[in-house]
Amino acid sequence: MRIAIDDFGTGYSSLAYLRDLPVDELKLDRSIVSPMKDDPRAAALVSSTIELAHSLGLTMVAEGVEDAEVYADLARYGCDEAQGFHMSRPMPAGELDRWLAERRLALTASP
């Protein structure tokens, strides 16, 4: 079993949780991720939070990734995973297998 802190950076997501709980993953809230391409302070928060997570041996997931520019910045910062409309809009569970197969095919066809 793995434990994640969802919506990290908002509400009750205290740094003390990182010290006191056996956390495996941080999910950085979209309210911090989304403005990062137009806001250097937001970008600094994202970058430093990724570094913090990695220094603690945690996986970092960025929520609310809406475009390729933010996705590329996250990759450059070393973010482990991303979720948001840039990758896919919500879909019925029955369509997931087809979507995954198409993605695999596209990746193997890329140079």
Protein backbone atom coordinates (compact mmCIF):
# COMPACT_ATOMS: atom_id res chain seq x y z
CA MET A 1 0.00 0.00 0.00
CA ARG A 2 1.22 3.50 -0.84
CA ILE A 3 0.17 6.73 0.85
CA ALA A 4 -0.25 10.02 -1.00
CA ILE A 5 -0.98 13.52 0.21
CA ASP A 6 -3.48 14.95 -2.25
CA ASP A 7 -3.80 18.68 -3.02
CA PHE A 8 -0.46 19.41 -1.36
CA GLY A 9 0.16 23.10 -0.88
CA THR A 10 -3.40 24.01 0.05
CA GLY A 11 -5.66 23.70 3.05
CA TYR A 12 -4.37 21.46 5.80
CA SER A 13 -1.36 19.98 3.97
CA SER A 14 1.24 20.87 6.58
CA LEU A 15 4.96 20.23 6.19
CA ALA A 16 4.71 18.35 9.48
CA TYR A 17 2.84 15.59 7.60
CA LEU A 18 5.99 14.99 5.58
CA ARG A 19 7.94 14.53 8.79
CA ASP A 20 5.39 12.53 10.77
CA LEU A 21 3.50 10.34 8.28
CA PRO A 22 4.82 7.42 6.22
CA VAL A 23 4.04 9.23 2.96
CA ASP A 24 5.14 7.88 -0.44
CA GLU A 25 3.78 10.51 -2.80
CA LEU A 26 2.88 14.20 -2.95
CA LYS A 27 0.23 15.44 -5.34
CA LEU A 28 0.91 19.14 -5.86
CA ASP A 29 -2.36 21.04 -6.14
CA ARG A 30 -3.43 22.53 -9.45
CA SER A 31 -3.77 25.98 -7.86
CA ILE A 32 0.03 26.04 -7.61
CA VAL A 33 0.84 24.19 -10.83
CA SER A 34 -1.53 25.95 -13.26
CA PRO A 35 -0.20 29.52 -12.90
CA MET A 36 3.47 28.56 -13.09
CA LYS A 37 4.02 29.48 -16.76
CA ASP A 38 3.00 33.11 -16.11
CA ASP A 39 4.09 33.44 -12.50
CA PRO A 40 7.79 33.04 -11.55
CA ARG A 41 6.89 32.67 -7.87
CA ALA A 42 4.53 29.78 -8.65
CA ALA A 43 7.27 28.20 -10.80
CA ALA A 44 9.75 28.54 -7.93
CA LEU A 45 7.28 26.89 -5.55
CA VAL A 46 6.73 24.01 -7.96
CA SER A 47 10.44 23.50 -8.60
CA SER A 48 11.40 23.66 -4.92
CA THR A 49 8.55 21.37 -3.87
CA ILE A 50 9.72 18.78 -6.40
CA GLU A 51 13.24 19.04 -4.93
CA LEU A 52 11.83 18.73 -1.41
CA ALA A 53 9.81 15.64 -2.32
CA HIS A 54 12.79 13.97 -3.96
CA SER A 55 15.07 14.80 -1.02
CA LEU A 56 12.59 12.89 1.17
CA GLY A 57 12.43 9.96 -1.25
CA LEU A 58 8.88 10.80 -2.35
CA THR A 59 7.26 10.67 -5.76
CA MET A 60 5.91 14.01 -7.02
CA VAL A 61 2.68 14.24 -9.02
CA ALA A 62 1.62 17.57 -10.52
CA GLU A 63 -2.14 18.10 -10.75
CA GLY A 64 -3.89 20.36 -13.24
CA VAL A 65 -1.42 20.15 -16.13
CA GLU A 66 -3.34 21.84 -18.93
CA ASP A 67 -0.78 22.48 -21.67
CA ALA A 68 2.50 21.33 -23.22
CA GLU A 69 4.49 24.28 -21.86
CA VAL A 70 3.70 23.48 -18.23
CA TYR A 71 4.26 19.77 -18.92
CA ALA A 72 7.71 20.52 -20.40
CA ASP A 73 8.64 22.73 -17.43
CA LEU A 74 7.61 20.00 -15.01
CA ALA A 75 9.73 17.47 -16.89
CA ARG A 76 12.68 19.88 -16.77
CA TYR A 77 12.20 20.26 -13.00
CA GLY A 78 12.22 16.46 -12.60
CA CYS A 79 8.55 15.95 -11.73
CA ASP A 80 7.78 12.22 -11.68
CA GLU A 81 4.17 12.21 -12.85
CA ALA A 82 1.54 14.62 -14.10
CA GLN A 83 -2.20 14.59 -14.47
CA GLY A 84 -4.50 16.97 -16.25
CA PHE A 85 -6.29 17.83 -19.47
CA HIS A 86 -3.00 18.03 -21.39
CA MET A 87 -2.74 14.23 -21.12
CA SER A 88 -6.45 13.44 -21.37
CA ARG A 89 -9.90 14.66 -20.58
CA PRO A 90 -11.95 12.47 -18.23
CA MET A 91 -13.32 9.38 -19.96
CA PRO A 92 -15.53 6.43 -19.17
CA ALA A 93 -13.63 3.45 -17.75
CA GLY A 94 -14.62 1.36 -20.77
CA GLU A 95 -12.60 3.64 -23.07
CA LEU A 96 -9.40 3.51 -21.02
CA ASP A 97 -7.96 0.33 -22.55
CA ARG A 98 -8.35 1.72 -26.08
CA TRP A 99 -6.82 5.07 -25.05
CA LEU A 100 -3.82 3.34 -23.44
CA ALA A 101 -3.30 1.13 -26.51
CA GLU A 102 -3.35 4.19 -28.78
CA ARG A 103 -0.82 5.96 -26.55
CA ARG A 104 1.50 2.95 -26.57
CA LEU A 105 1.26 2.76 -30.36
CA ALA A 106 2.00 6.47 -30.72
CA LEU A 107 5.03 6.20 -28.41
CA THR A 108 6.50 3.24 -30.28
CA ALA A 109 5.97 5.02 -33.62
CA SER A 110 7.83 8.15 -32.40
CA PRO A 111 11.53 8.46 -33.32
